[in-house]
Amino acid sequence: MTMNPSYSMGQYGTGQYGGYYPNVQYYGQQQAQPQARPRVEESYIENIFRLNRGKPTTVYMTFENNKEWNAKIFKGIIEAAGRDHLILSDPNTGKRYLLPLIYLDFATFEGEIEYEYPFNNGAQ
């Protein structure tokens, strides 16, 4: 049995056996244009830390399966925050801590927490 190779490979449609090739644009098809979505900032913890850069905070972390210290408290000034980490500096000792946020339980602040984003007219 001979088959038309262009048809069986799905060049002009889904193919002889009904196969589907998700990343292939078939002959005569229009490619769907992605719709632009308005930029909406989501309330992730690292964004809240970034908004409160320079403020003192107390960070509570739990390190499971650690026999030396299961839970630890870090106090310091927020230097920076990324998607998965927080950098604190302790002004009393001069130490800097790079803390993976995966271990974060919660954080406390002495004063108000900055939570308004600088775009979207300050909507929360």
PDB file of N, CA and C in Angstrom:
ATOM      1  N   MET A   1       0.850  -1.177   0.000  1.00  0.00           N
ATOM      2  CA  MET A   1       0.000   0.000   0.000  1.00  0.00           C
ATOM      3  C   MET A   1       0.889   1.230   0.000  1.00  0.00           C
ATOM      4  N   THR A   2       0.625   2.154  -0.891  1.00  0.00           N
ATOM      5  CA  THR A   2       1.383   3.396  -0.930  1.00  0.00           C
ATOM      6  C   THR A   2       0.500   4.514  -0.434  1.00  0.00           C
ATOM      7  N   MET A   3       1.119   5.422   0.301  1.00  0.00           N
ATOM      8  CA  MET A   3       0.362   6.548   0.849  1.00  0.00           C
ATOM      9  C   MET A   3       0.955   7.829   0.300  1.00  0.00           C
ATOM     10  N   ASN A   4       0.136   8.824   0.238  1.00  0.00           N
ATOM     11  CA  ASN A   4       0.604  10.146  -0.131  1.00  0.00           C
ATOM     12  C   ASN A   4       1.356  10.698   1.069  1.00  0.00           C
ATOM     13  N   PRO A   5       2.693  10.840   0.998  1.00  0.00           N
ATOM     14  CA  PRO A   5       3.453  11.234   2.171  1.00  0.00           C
ATOM     15  C   PRO A   5       3.050  12.599   2.739  1.00  0.00           C
ATOM     16  N   SER A   6       2.683  13.534   1.891  1.00  0.00           N
ATOM     17  CA  SER A   6       2.331  14.854   2.414  1.00  0.00           C
ATOM     18  C   SER A   6       1.025  14.800   3.194  1.00  0.00           C
ATOM     19  N   TYR A   7       0.099  13.918   2.765  1.00  0.00           N
ATOM     20  CA  TYR A   7      -1.167  13.813   3.478  1.00  0.00           C
ATOM     21  C   TYR A   7      -0.996  13.058   4.786  1.00  0.00           C
ATOM     22  N   SER A   8      -0.238  11.961   4.780  1.00  0.00           N
ATOM     23  CA  SER A   8      -0.100  11.163   5.993  1.00  0.00           C
ATOM     24  C   SER A   8       0.707  11.898   7.066  1.00  0.00           C
ATOM     25  N   MET A   9       1.544  12.844   6.686  1.00  0.00           N
ATOM     26  CA  MET A   9       2.332  13.578   7.659  1.00  0.00           C
ATOM     27  C   MET A   9       1.603  14.814   8.168  1.00  0.00           C
ATOM     28  N   GLY A  10       0.409  15.046   7.675  1.00  0.00           N
ATOM     29  CA  GLY A  10      -0.389  16.135   8.214  1.00  0.00           C
ATOM     30  C   GLY A  10      -0.097  17.488   7.608  1.00  0.00           C
ATOM     31  N   GLN A  11       0.483  17.539   6.408  1.00  0.00           N
ATOM     32  CA  GLN A  11       0.807  18.830   5.821  1.00  0.00           C
ATOM     33  C   GLN A  11      -0.444  19.633   5.500  1.00  0.00           C
ATOM     34  N   TYR A  12      -1.523  18.960   5.080  1.00  0.00           N
ATOM     35  CA  TYR A  12      -2.733  19.662   4.682  1.00  0.00           C
ATOM     36  C   TYR A  12      -3.892  19.451   5.632  1.00  0.00           C
ATOM     37  N   GLY A  13      -3.663  18.900   6.751  1.00  0.00           N
ATOM     38  CA  GLY A  13      -4.758  18.660   7.691  1.00  0.00           C
ATOM     39  C   GLY A  13      -4.255  17.872   8.874  1.00  0.00           C
ATOM     40  N   THR A  14      -5.143  17.143   9.500  1.00  0.00           N
ATOM     41  CA  THR A  14      -4.748  16.390  10.681  1.00  0.00           C
ATOM     42  C   THR A  14      -4.170  15.030  10.330  1.00  0.00           C
ATOM     43  N   GLY A  15      -4.108  14.679   9.074  1.00  0.00           N
ATOM     44  CA  GLY A  15      -3.471  13.423   8.685  1.00  0.00           C
ATOM     45  C   GLY A  15      -4.473  12.311   8.477  1.00  0.00           C
ATOM     46  N   GLN A  16      -3.994  11.237   7.856  1.00  0.00           N
ATOM     47  CA  GLN A  16      -4.843  10.115   7.499  1.00  0.00           C
ATOM     48  C   GLN A  16      -5.437   9.446   8.718  1.00  0.00           C
ATOM     49  N   TYR A  17      -4.713   9.404   9.829  1.00  0.00           N
ATOM     50  CA  TYR A  17      -5.168   8.678  11.000  1.00  0.00           C
ATOM     51  C   TYR A  17      -5.732   9.607  12.072  1.00  0.00           C
ATOM     52  N   GLY A  18      -6.009  10.838  11.724  1.00  0.00           N
ATOM     53  CA  GLY A  18      -6.617  11.757  12.682  1.00  0.00           C
ATOM     54  C   GLY A  18      -5.631  12.283  13.704  1.00  0.00           C
ATOM     55  N   GLY A  19      -4.336  12.176  13.425  1.00  0.00           N
ATOM     56  CA  GLY A  19      -3.332  12.668  14.363  1.00  0.00           C
ATOM     57  C   GLY A  19      -3.401  14.177  14.502  1.00  0.00           C
ATOM     58  N   TYR A  20      -2.862  14.670  15.571  1.00  0.00           N
ATOM     59  CA  TYR A  20      -2.892  16.105  15.827  1.00  0.00           C
ATOM     60  C   TYR A  20      -1.484  16.567  16.151  1.00  0.00           C
ATOM     61  N   TYR A  21      -1.023  17.555  15.470  1.00  0.00           N
ATOM     62  CA  TYR A  21       0.304  18.112  15.690  1.00  0.00           C
ATOM     63  C   TYR A  21       0.136  19.515  16.254  1.00  0.00           C
ATOM     64  N   PRO A  22       0.275  19.697  17.584  1.00  0.00           N
ATOM     65  CA  PRO A  22      -0.092  20.951  18.230  1.00  0.00           C
ATOM     66  C   PRO A  22       0.738  22.162  17.819  1.00  0.00           C
ATOM     67  N   ASN A  23       1.974  21.998  17.425  1.00  0.00           N
ATOM     68  CA  ASN A  23       2.808  23.152  17.115  1.00  0.00           C
ATOM     69  C   ASN A  23       3.014  23.344  15.614  1.00  0.00           C
ATOM     70  N   VAL A  24       2.193  22.692  14.799  1.00  0.00           N
ATOM     71  CA  VAL A  24       2.329  22.791  13.357  1.00  0.00           C
ATOM     72  C   VAL A  24       1.172  23.603  12.804  1.00  0.00           C
ATOM     73  N   GLN A  25       1.511  24.574  11.960  1.00  0.00           N
ATOM     74  CA  GLN A  25       0.456  25.341  11.299  1.00  0.00           C
ATOM     75  C   GLN A  25       0.168  24.647   9.979  1.00  0.00           C
ATOM     76  N   TYR A  26      -1.066  24.240   9.771  1.00  0.00           N
ATOM     77  CA  TYR A  26      -1.444  23.506   8.584  1.00  0.00           C
ATOM     78  C   TYR A  26      -1.757  24.468   7.445  1.00  0.00           C
ATOM     79  N   TYR A  27      -1.631  23.952   6.259  1.00  0.00           N
ATOM     80  CA  TYR A  27      -1.883  24.734   5.058  1.00  0.00           C
ATOM     81  C   TYR A  27      -3.283  25.348   5.099  1.00  0.00           C
ATOM     82  N   GLY A  28      -3.359  26.643   4.900  1.00  0.00           N
ATOM     83  CA  GLY A  28      -4.659  27.319   4.845  1.00  0.00           C
ATOM     84  C   GLY A  28      -5.181  27.765   6.205  1.00  0.00           C
ATOM     85  N   GLN A  29      -4.506  27.440   7.295  1.00  0.00           N
ATOM     86  CA  GLN A  29      -4.982  27.840   8.621  1.00  0.00           C
ATOM     87  C   GLN A  29      -4.415  29.197   8.996  1.00  0.00           C
ATOM     88  N   GLN A  30      -5.212  29.976   9.683  1.00  0.00           N
ATOM     89  CA  GLN A  30      -4.752  31.241  10.232  1.00  0.00           C
ATOM     90  C   GLN A  30      -4.203  30.983  11.625  1.00  0.00           C
ATOM     91  N   GLN A  31      -3.082  31.586  11.939  1.00  0.00           N
ATOM     92  CA  GLN A  31      -2.517  31.418  13.275  1.00  0.00           C
ATOM     93  C   GLN A  31      -3.242  32.365  14.221  1.00  0.00           C
ATOM     94  N   ALA A  32      -3.671  31.826  15.359  1.00  0.00           N
ATOM     95  CA  ALA A  32      -4.391  32.638  16.346  1.00  0.00           C
ATOM     96  C   ALA A  32      -3.439  33.662  16.951  1.00  0.00           C
ATOM     97  N   GLN A  33      -3.896  34.897  17.053  1.00  0.00           N
ATOM     98  CA  GLN A  33      -3.104  35.964  17.653  1.00  0.00           C
ATOM     99  C   GLN A  33      -3.409  36.023  19.143  1.00  0.00           C
ATOM    100  N   PRO A  34      -2.380  36.026  19.991  1.00  0.00           N
ATOM    101  CA  PRO A  34      -2.644  36.129  21.425  1.00  0.00           C
ATOM    102  C   PRO A  34      -3.233  37.502  21.753  1.00  0.00           C
ATOM    103  N   GLN A  35      -4.185  37.498  22.658  1.00  0.00           N
ATOM    104  CA  GLN A  35      -4.827  38.743  23.053  1.00  0.00           C
ATOM    105  C   GLN A  35      -4.006  39.422  24.129  1.00  0.00           C
ATOM    106  N   ALA A  36      -3.826  40.715  23.986  1.00  0.00           N
ATOM    107  CA  ALA A  36      -3.077  41.472  24.986  1.00  0.00           C
ATOM    108  C   ALA A  36      -3.910  41.585  26.253  1.00  0.00           C
ATOM    109  N   ARG A  37      -3.283  41.253  27.370  1.00  0.00           N
ATOM    110  CA  ARG A  37      -3.957  41.362  28.661  1.00  0.00           C
ATOM    111  C   ARG A  37      -3.354  42.530  29.404  1.00  0.00           C
ATOM    112  N   PRO A  38      -4.165  43.264  30.130  1.00  0.00           N
ATOM    113  CA  PRO A  38      -3.602  44.369  30.913  1.00  0.00           C
ATOM    114  C   PRO A  38      -2.676  43.834  31.990  1.00  0.00           C
ATOM    115  N   ARG A  39      -1.630  44.595  32.277  1.00  0.00           N
ATOM    116  CA  ARG A  39      -0.674  44.161  33.298  1.00  0.00           C
ATOM    117  C   ARG A  39      -1.331  44.262  34.668  1.00  0.00           C
ATOM    118  N   VAL A  40      -1.363  43.134  35.337  1.00  0.00           N
ATOM    119  CA  VAL A  40      -1.938  43.079  36.678  1.00  0.00           C
ATOM    120  C   VAL A  40      -0.893  42.461  37.591  1.00  0.00           C
ATOM    121  N   GLU A  41      -0.497  43.189  38.598  1.00  0.00           N
ATOM    122  CA  GLU A  41       0.478  42.678  39.555  1.00  0.00           C
ATOM    123  C   GLU A  41      -0.252  41.816  40.564  1.00  0.00           C
ATOM    124  N   GLU A  42       0.294  40.654  40.816  1.00  0.00           N
ATOM    125  CA  GLU A  42      -0.302  39.775  41.802  1.00  0.00           C
ATOM    126  C   GLU A  42       0.421  39.957  43.126  1.00  0.00           C
ATOM    127  N   SER A  43      -0.264  39.681  44.195  1.00  0.00           N
ATOM    128  CA  SER A  43       0.261  39.935  45.529  1.00  0.00           C
ATOM    129  C   SER A  43       1.098  38.761  46.012  1.00  0.00           C
ATOM    130  N   TYR A  44       2.334  38.690  45.530  1.00  0.00           N
ATOM    131  CA  TYR A  44       3.259  37.669  45.992  1.00  0.00           C
ATOM    132  C   TYR A  44       4.098  38.235  47.120  1.00  0.00           C
ATOM    133  N   ILE A  45       4.562  37.370  48.003  1.00  0.00           N
ATOM    134  CA  ILE A  45       5.296  37.801  49.184  1.00  0.00           C
ATOM    135  C   ILE A  45       6.564  38.566  48.816  1.00  0.00           C
ATOM    136  N   GLU A  46       7.251  38.150  47.731  1.00  0.00           N
ATOM    137  CA  GLU A  46       8.476  38.860  47.376  1.00  0.00           C
ATOM    138  C   GLU A  46       8.192  40.291  46.955  1.00  0.00           C
ATOM    139  N   ASN A  47       7.032  40.542  46.343  1.00  0.00           N
ATOM    140  CA  ASN A  47       6.663  41.907  45.971  1.00  0.00           C
ATOM    141  C   ASN A  47       6.411  42.758  47.216  1.00  0.00           C
ATOM    142  N   ILE A  48       5.824  42.164  48.232  1.00  0.00           N
ATOM    143  CA  ILE A  48       5.579  42.900  49.479  1.00  0.00           C
ATOM    144  C   ILE A  48       6.907  43.215  50.162  1.00  0.00           C
ATOM    145  N   PHE A  49       7.838  42.283  50.143  1.00  0.00           N
ATOM    146  CA  PHE A  49       9.169  42.562  50.697  1.00  0.00           C
ATOM    147  C   PHE A  49       9.847  43.687  49.905  1.00  0.00           C
ATOM    148  N   ARG A  50       9.723  43.672  48.579  1.00  0.00           N
ATOM    149  CA  ARG A  50      10.342  44.722  47.765  1.00  0.00           C
ATOM    150  C   ARG A  50       9.760  46.096  48.094  1.00  0.00           C
ATOM    151  N   LEU A  51       8.458  46.144  48.273  1.00  0.00           N
ATOM    152  CA  LEU A  51       7.807  47.419  48.597  1.00  0.00           C
ATOM    153  C   LEU A  51       8.232  47.944  49.964  1.00  0.00           C
ATOM    154  N   ASN A  52       8.721  47.078  50.823  1.00  0.00           N
ATOM    155  CA  ASN A  52       9.121  47.458  52.178  1.00  0.00           C
ATOM    156  C   ASN A  52      10.642  47.441  52.351  1.00  0.00           C
ATOM    157  N   ARG A  53      11.355  47.584  51.231  1.00  0.00           N
ATOM    158  CA  ARG A  53      12.821  47.627  51.257  1.00  0.00           C
ATOM    159  C   ARG A  53      13.277  48.757  52.176  1.00  0.00           C
ATOM    160  N   GLY A  54      14.271  48.465  53.007  1.00  0.00           N
ATOM    161  CA  GLY A  54      14.801  49.463  53.937  1.00  0.00           C
ATOM    162  C   GLY A  54      14.138  49.450  55.302  1.00  0.00           C
ATOM    163  N   LYS A  55      13.084  48.677  55.458  1.00  0.00           N
ATOM    164  CA  LYS A  55      12.376  48.602  56.744  1.00  0.00           C
ATOM    165  C   LYS A  55      12.870  47.425  57.567  1.00  0.00           C
ATOM    166  N   PRO A  56      12.854  47.580  58.896  1.00  0.00           N
ATOM    167  CA  PRO A  56      13.211  46.439  59.746  1.00  0.00           C
ATOM    168  C   PRO A  56      12.091  45.409  59.770  1.00  0.00           C
ATOM    169  N   THR A  57      12.471  44.149  59.812  1.00  0.00           N
ATOM    170  CA  THR A  57      11.494  43.065  59.853  1.00  0.00           C
ATOM    171  C   THR A  57      12.048  41.903  60.671  1.00  0.00           C
ATOM    172  N   THR A  58      11.155  41.066  61.118  1.00  0.00           N
ATOM    173  CA  THR A  58      11.522  39.816  61.779  1.00  0.00           C
ATOM    174  C   THR A  58      10.938  38.691  60.934  1.00  0.00           C
ATOM    175  N   VAL A  59      11.805  37.766  60.527  1.00  0.00           N
ATOM    176  CA  VAL A  59      11.408  36.678  59.635  1.00  0.00           C
ATOM    177  C   VAL A  59      11.499  35.363  60.396  1.00  0.00           C
ATOM    178  N   TYR A  60      10.429  34.588  60.349  1.00  0.00           N
ATOM    179  CA  TYR A  60      10.355  33.288  61.024  1.00  0.00           C
ATOM    180  C   TYR A  60      10.414  32.191  59.964  1.00  0.00           C
ATOM    181  N   MET A  61      11.363  31.279  60.133  1.00  0.00           N
ATOM    182  CA  MET A  61      11.541  30.206  59.157  1.00  0.00           C
ATOM    183  C   MET A  61      11.625  28.851  59.844  1.00  0.00           C
ATOM    184  N   THR A  62      11.186  27.834  59.121  1.00  0.00           N
ATOM    185  CA  THR A  62      11.270  26.457  59.605  1.00  0.00           C
ATOM    186  C   THR A  62      12.068  25.640  58.602  1.00  0.00           C
ATOM    187  N   PHE A  63      13.077  24.953  59.110  1.00  0.00           N
ATOM    188  CA  PHE A  63      13.929  24.099  58.293  1.00  0.00           C
ATOM    189  C   PHE A  63      13.659  22.659  58.715  1.00  0.00           C
ATOM    190  N   GLU A  64      12.745  21.999  58.023  1.00  0.00           N
ATOM    191  CA  GLU A  64      12.348  20.644  58.388  1.00  0.00           C
ATOM    192  C   GLU A  64      13.515  19.670  58.286  1.00  0.00           C
ATOM    193  N   ASN A  65      13.482  18.653  59.121  1.00  0.00           N
ATOM    194  CA  ASN A  65      14.484  17.587  59.150  1.00  0.00           C
ATOM    195  C   ASN A  65      15.891  18.098  59.472  1.00  0.00           C
ATOM    196  N   ASN A  66      15.968  19.236  60.139  1.00  0.00           N
ATOM    197  CA  ASN A  66      17.263  19.761  60.560  1.00  0.00           C
ATOM    198  C   ASN A  66      17.394  19.524  62.060  1.00  0.00           C
ATOM    199  N   LYS A  67      18.349  18.714  62.449  1.00  0.00           N
ATOM    200  CA  LYS A  67      18.486  18.337  63.857  1.00  0.00           C
ATOM    201  C   LYS A  67      19.111  19.454  64.698  1.00  0.00           C
ATOM    202  N   GLU A  68      19.955  20.318  64.093  1.00  0.00           N
ATOM    203  CA  GLU A  68      20.586  21.406  64.839  1.00  0.00           C
ATOM    204  C   GLU A  68      19.605  22.515  65.184  1.00  0.00           C
ATOM    205  N   TRP A  69      18.905  23.018  64.176  1.00  0.00           N
ATOM    206  CA  TRP A  69      17.917  24.067  64.422  1.00  0.00           C
ATOM    207  C   TRP A  69      16.780  23.903  63.428  1.00  0.00           C
ATOM    208  N   ASN A  70      15.643  23.530  63.985  1.00  0.00           N
ATOM    209  CA  ASN A  70      14.458  23.310  63.162  1.00  0.00           C
ATOM    210  C   ASN A  70      13.794  24.627  62.791  1.00  0.00           C
ATOM    211  N   ALA A  71      13.718  25.542  63.743  1.00  0.00           N
ATOM    212  CA  ALA A  71      13.087  26.836  63.502  1.00  0.00           C
ATOM    213  C   ALA A  71      14.098  27.924  63.860  1.00  0.00           C
ATOM    214  N   LYS A  72      14.073  29.006  63.076  1.00  0.00           N
ATOM    215  CA  LYS A  72      15.030  30.068  63.311  1.00  0.00           C
ATOM    216  C   LYS A  72      14.356  31.417  63.042  1.00  0.00           C
ATOM    217  N   ILE A  73      14.771  32.423  63.801  1.00  0.00           N
ATOM    218  CA  ILE A  73      14.242  33.777  63.657  1.00  0.00           C
ATOM    219  C   ILE A  73      15.382  34.677  63.192  1.00  0.00           C
ATOM    220  N   PHE A  74      15.116  35.462  62.139  1.00  0.00           N
ATOM    221  CA  PHE A  74      16.093  36.404  61.614  1.00  0.00           C
ATOM    222  C   PHE A  74      15.516  37.811  61.754  1.00  0.00           C
ATOM    223  N   LYS A  75      16.320  38.734  62.271  1.00  0.00           N
ATOM    224  CA  LYS A  75      15.904  40.128  62.394  1.00  0.00           C
ATOM    225  C   LYS A  75      16.866  40.975  61.590  1.00  0.00           C
ATOM    226  N   GLY A  76      16.331  41.932  60.853  1.00  0.00           N
ATOM    227  CA  GLY A  76      17.201  42.803  60.084  1.00  0.00           C
ATOM    228  C   GLY A  76      16.428  43.743  59.190  1.00  0.00           C
ATOM    229  N   ILE A  77      17.191  44.449  58.371  1.00  0.00           N
ATOM    230  CA  ILE A  77      16.642  45.413  57.415  1.00  0.00           C
ATOM    231  C   ILE A  77      16.524  44.720  56.063  1.00  0.00           C
ATOM    232  N   ILE A  78      15.402  44.919  55.391  1.00  0.00           N
ATOM    233  CA  ILE A  78      15.200  44.313  54.073  1.00  0.00           C
ATOM    234  C   ILE A  78      16.096  45.039  53.071  1.00  0.00           C
ATOM    235  N   GLU A  79      17.031  44.295  52.498  1.00  0.00           N
ATOM    236  CA  GLU A  79      17.928  44.847  51.479  1.00  0.00           C
ATOM    237  C   GLU A  79      17.348  44.619  50.079  1.00  0.00           C
ATOM    238  N   ALA A  80      16.885  43.398  49.818  1.00  0.00           N
ATOM    239  CA  ALA A  80      16.364  43.038  48.502  1.00  0.00           C
ATOM    240  C   ALA A  80      15.517  41.779  48.635  1.00  0.00           C
ATOM    241  N   ALA A  81      14.703  41.544  47.604  1.00  0.00           N
ATOM    242  CA  ALA A  81      13.897  40.322  47.555  1.00  0.00           C
ATOM    243  C   ALA A  81      13.763  39.891  46.108  1.00  0.00           C
ATOM    244  N   GLY A  82      13.864  38.603  45.896  1.00  0.00           N
ATOM    245  CA  GLY A  82      13.679  38.036  44.566  1.00  0.00           C
ATOM    246  C   GLY A  82      12.540  37.050  44.591  1.00  0.00           C
ATOM    247  N   ARG A  83      12.372  36.362  43.513  1.00  0.00           N
ATOM    248  CA  ARG A  83      11.266  35.412  43.402  1.00  0.00           C
ATOM    249  C   ARG A  83      11.328  34.343  44.481  1.00  0.00           C
ATOM    250  N   ASP A  84      12.539  33.933  44.849  1.00  0.00           N
ATOM    251  CA  ASP A  84      12.674  32.824  45.789  1.00  0.00           C
ATOM    252  C   ASP A  84      13.569  33.128  46.981  1.00  0.00           C
ATOM    253  N   HIS A  85      13.948  34.392  47.188  1.00  0.00           N
ATOM    254  CA  HIS A  85      14.870  34.687  48.278  1.00  0.00           C
ATOM    255  C   HIS A  85      14.639  36.085  48.849  1.00  0.00           C
ATOM    256  N   LEU A  86      15.192  36.281  50.030  1.00  0.00           N
ATOM    257  CA  LEU A  86      15.137  37.559  50.729  1.00  0.00           C
ATOM    258  C   LEU A  86      16.538  37.835  51.267  1.00  0.00           C
ATOM    259  N   ILE A  87      16.982  39.073  51.142  1.00  0.00           N
ATOM    260  CA  ILE A  87      18.276  39.456  51.700  1.00  0.00           C
ATOM    261  C   ILE A  87      18.027  40.442  52.833  1.00  0.00           C
ATOM    262  N   LEU A  88      18.465  40.063  54.031  1.00  0.00           N
ATOM    263  CA  LEU A  88      18.361  40.914  55.219  1.00  0.00           C
ATOM    264  C   LEU A  88      19.762  41.311  55.661  1.00  0.00           C
ATOM    265  N   SER A  89      19.869  42.514  56.232  1.00  0.00           N
ATOM    266  CA  SER A  89      21.136  42.914  56.850  1.00  0.00           C
ATOM    267  C   SER A  89      20.863  43.222  58.309  1.00  0.00           C
ATOM    268  N   ASP A  90      21.774  42.777  59.159  1.00  0.00           N
ATOM    269  CA  ASP A  90      21.666  43.032  60.589  1.00  0.00           C
ATOM    270  C   ASP A  90      22.569  44.220  60.911  1.00  0.00           C
ATOM    271  N   PRO A  91      21.998  45.396  61.235  1.00  0.00           N
ATOM    272  CA  PRO A  91      22.817  46.582  61.480  1.00  0.00           C
ATOM    273  C   PRO A  91      23.694  46.456  62.732  1.00  0.00           C
ATOM    274  N   ASN A  92      23.330  45.586  63.664  1.00  0.00           N
ATOM    275  CA  ASN A  92      24.123  45.415  64.883  1.00  0.00           C
ATOM    276  C   ASN A  92      25.407  44.621  64.642  1.00  0.00           C
ATOM    277  N   THR A  93      25.348  43.628  63.750  1.00  0.00           N
ATOM    278  CA  THR A  93      26.509  42.770  63.517  1.00  0.00           C
ATOM    279  C   THR A  93      27.158  43.009  62.156  1.00  0.00           C
ATOM    280  N   GLY A  94      26.435  43.660  61.250  1.00  0.00           N
ATOM    281  CA  GLY A  94      26.957  43.854  59.896  1.00  0.00           C
ATOM    282  C   GLY A  94      26.778  42.641  59.003  1.00  0.00           C
ATOM    283  N   LYS A  95      26.172  41.572  59.527  1.00  0.00           N
ATOM    284  CA  LYS A  95      25.949  40.355  58.739  1.00  0.00           C
ATOM    285  C   LYS A  95      24.823  40.578  57.738  1.00  0.00           C
ATOM    286  N   ARG A  96      24.927  39.871  56.637  1.00  0.00           N
ATOM    287  CA  ARG A  96      23.866  39.848  55.634  1.00  0.00           C
ATOM    288  C   ARG A  96      23.388  38.399  55.519  1.00  0.00           C
ATOM    289  N   TYR A  97      22.077  38.232  55.428  1.00  0.00           N
ATOM    290  CA  TYR A  97      21.485  36.894  55.337  1.00  0.00           C
ATOM    291  C   TYR A  97      20.792  36.743  53.989  1.00  0.00           C
ATOM    292  N   LEU A  98      21.103  35.684  53.286  1.00  0.00           N
ATOM    293  CA  LEU A  98      20.400  35.307  52.069  1.00  0.00           C
ATOM    294  C   LEU A  98      19.481  34.162  52.458  1.00  0.00           C
ATOM    295  N   LEU A  99      18.179  34.436  52.495  1.00  0.00           N
ATOM    296  CA  LEU A  99      17.198  33.484  53.023  1.00  0.00           C
ATOM    297  C   LEU A  99      16.298  32.956  51.912  1.00  0.00           C
ATOM    298  N   PRO A 100      16.296  31.642  51.672  1.00  0.00           N
ATOM    299  CA  PRO A 100      15.373  31.067  50.684  1.00  0.00           C
ATOM    300  C   PRO A 100      13.929  31.165  51.195  1.00  0.00           C
ATOM    301  N   LEU A 101      13.043  31.732  50.390  1.00  0.00           N
ATOM    302  CA  LEU A 101      11.654  31.935  50.822  1.00  0.00           C
ATOM    303  C   LEU A 101      10.879  30.635  50.975  1.00  0.00           C
ATOM    304  N   ILE A 102      11.410  29.538  50.477  1.00  0.00           N
ATOM    305  CA  ILE A 102      10.717  28.258  50.632  1.00  0.00           C
ATOM    306  C   ILE A 102      10.578  27.882  52.113  1.00  0.00           C
ATOM    307  N   TYR A 103      11.467  28.405  52.959  1.00  0.00           N
ATOM    308  CA  TYR A 103      11.433  28.096  54.386  1.00  0.00           C
ATOM    309  C   TYR A 103      10.651  29.120  55.203  1.00  0.00           C
ATOM    310  N   LEU A 104      10.127  30.150  54.563  1.00  0.00           N
ATOM    311  CA  LEU A 104       9.433  31.228  55.270  1.00  0.00           C
ATOM    312  C   LEU A 104       8.109  30.759  55.863  1.00  0.00           C
ATOM    313  N   ASP A 105       7.923  31.043  57.150  1.00  0.00           N
ATOM    314  CA  ASP A 105       6.627  30.818  57.792  1.00  0.00           C
ATOM    315  C   ASP A 105       5.828  32.115  57.764  1.00  0.00           C
ATOM    316  N   PHE A 106       6.421  33.181  58.301  1.00  0.00           N
ATOM    317  CA  PHE A 106       5.782  34.497  58.268  1.00  0.00           C
ATOM    318  C   PHE A 106       6.807  35.552  58.632  1.00  0.00           C
ATOM    319  N   ALA A 107       6.428  36.811  58.456  1.00  0.00           N
ATOM    320  CA  ALA A 107       7.298  37.933  58.802  1.00  0.00           C
ATOM    321  C   ALA A 107       6.468  38.962  59.555  1.00  0.00           C
ATOM    322  N   THR A 108       7.128  39.688  60.454  1.00  0.00           N
ATOM    323  CA  THR A 108       6.453  40.760  61.185  1.00  0.00           C
ATOM    324  C   THR A 108       7.194  42.065  60.952  1.00  0.00           C
ATOM    325  N   PHE A 109       6.445  43.158  61.029  1.00  0.00           N
ATOM    326  CA  PHE A 109       6.984  44.507  60.880  1.00  0.00           C
ATOM    327  C   PHE A 109       6.548  45.318  62.088  1.00  0.00           C
ATOM    328  N   GLU A 110       7.382  46.252  62.532  1.00  0.00           N
ATOM    329  CA  GLU A 110       7.026  47.114  63.664  1.00  0.00           C
ATOM    330  C   GLU A 110       5.955  48.125  63.282  1.00  0.00           C
ATOM    331  N   GLY A 111       6.082  48.736  62.138  1.00  0.00           N
ATOM    332  CA  GLY A 111       5.125  49.759  61.697  1.00  0.00           C
ATOM    333  C   GLY A 111       4.191  49.217  60.640  1.00  0.00           C
ATOM    334  N   GLU A 112       3.652  50.146  59.862  1.00  0.00           N
ATOM    335  CA  GLU A 112       2.734  49.753  58.793  1.00  0.00           C
ATOM    336  C   GLU A 112       3.486  49.045  57.679  1.00  0.00           C
ATOM    337  N   ILE A 113       2.785  48.151  57.011  1.00  0.00           N
ATOM    338  CA  ILE A 113       3.352  47.430  55.878  1.00  0.00           C
ATOM    339  C   ILE A 113       2.939  48.164  54.613  1.00  0.00           C
ATOM    340  N   GLU A 114       3.924  48.506  53.800  1.00  0.00           N
ATOM    341  CA  GLU A 114       3.633  49.129  52.509  1.00  0.00           C
ATOM    342  C   GLU A 114       3.033  48.067  51.606  1.00  0.00           C
ATOM    343  N   TYR A 115       1.832  48.339  51.085  1.00  0.00           N
ATOM    344  CA  TYR A 115       1.143  47.329  50.294  1.00  0.00           C
ATOM    345  C   TYR A 115       0.541  47.892  49.019  1.00  0.00           C
ATOM    346  N   GLU A 116       0.606  49.209  48.817  1.00  0.00           N
ATOM    347  CA  GLU A 116       0.088  49.797  47.584  1.00  0.00           C
ATOM    348  C   GLU A 116       1.129  49.693  46.504  1.00  0.00           C
ATOM    349  N   TYR A 117       0.710  49.233  45.328  1.00  0.00           N
ATOM    350  CA  TYR A 117       1.640  49.123  44.229  1.00  0.00           C
ATOM    351  C   TYR A 117       1.768  50.469  43.536  1.00  0.00           C
ATOM    352  N   PRO A 118       2.942  50.792  42.989  1.00  0.00           N
ATOM    353  CA  PRO A 118       3.162  52.103  42.404  1.00  0.00           C
ATOM    354  C   PRO A 118       2.485  52.288  41.053  1.00  0.00           C
ATOM    355  N   PHE A 119       1.792  51.325  40.532  1.00  0.00           N
ATOM    356  CA  PHE A 119       1.052  51.473  39.288  1.00  0.00           C
ATOM    357  C   PHE A 119      -0.392  51.103  39.547  1.00  0.00           C
ATOM    358  N   ASN A 120      -1.214  51.171  38.539  1.00  0.00           N
ATOM    359  CA  ASN A 120      -2.636  50.837  38.651  1.00  0.00           C
ATOM    360  C   ASN A 120      -3.337  51.787  39.622  1.00  0.00           C
ATOM    361  N   ASN A 121      -2.876  53.052  39.669  1.00  0.00           N
ATOM    362  CA  ASN A 121      -3.468  54.103  40.498  1.00  0.00           C
ATOM    363  C   ASN A 121      -3.538  53.743  41.969  1.00  0.00           C
ATOM    364  N   GLY A 122      -2.598  52.933  42.427  1.00  0.00           N
ATOM    365  CA  GLY A 122      -2.557  52.579  43.843  1.00  0.00           C
ATOM    366  C   GLY A 122      -3.636  51.630  44.287  1.00  0.00           C
ATOM    367  N   ALA A 123      -4.347  51.005  43.319  1.00  0.00           N
ATOM    368  CA  ALA A 123      -5.403  50.055  43.706  1.00  0.00           C
ATOM    369  C   ALA A 123      -4.794  48.842  44.360  1.00  0.00           C
ATOM    370  N   GLN A 124      -5.488  48.302  45.335  1.00  0.00           N
ATOM    371  CA  GLN A 124      -4.989  47.119  46.025  1.00  0.00           C
ATOM    372  C   GLN A 124      -5.717  45.894  45.560  1.00  0.00           C
TER     373      GLN A 124
END
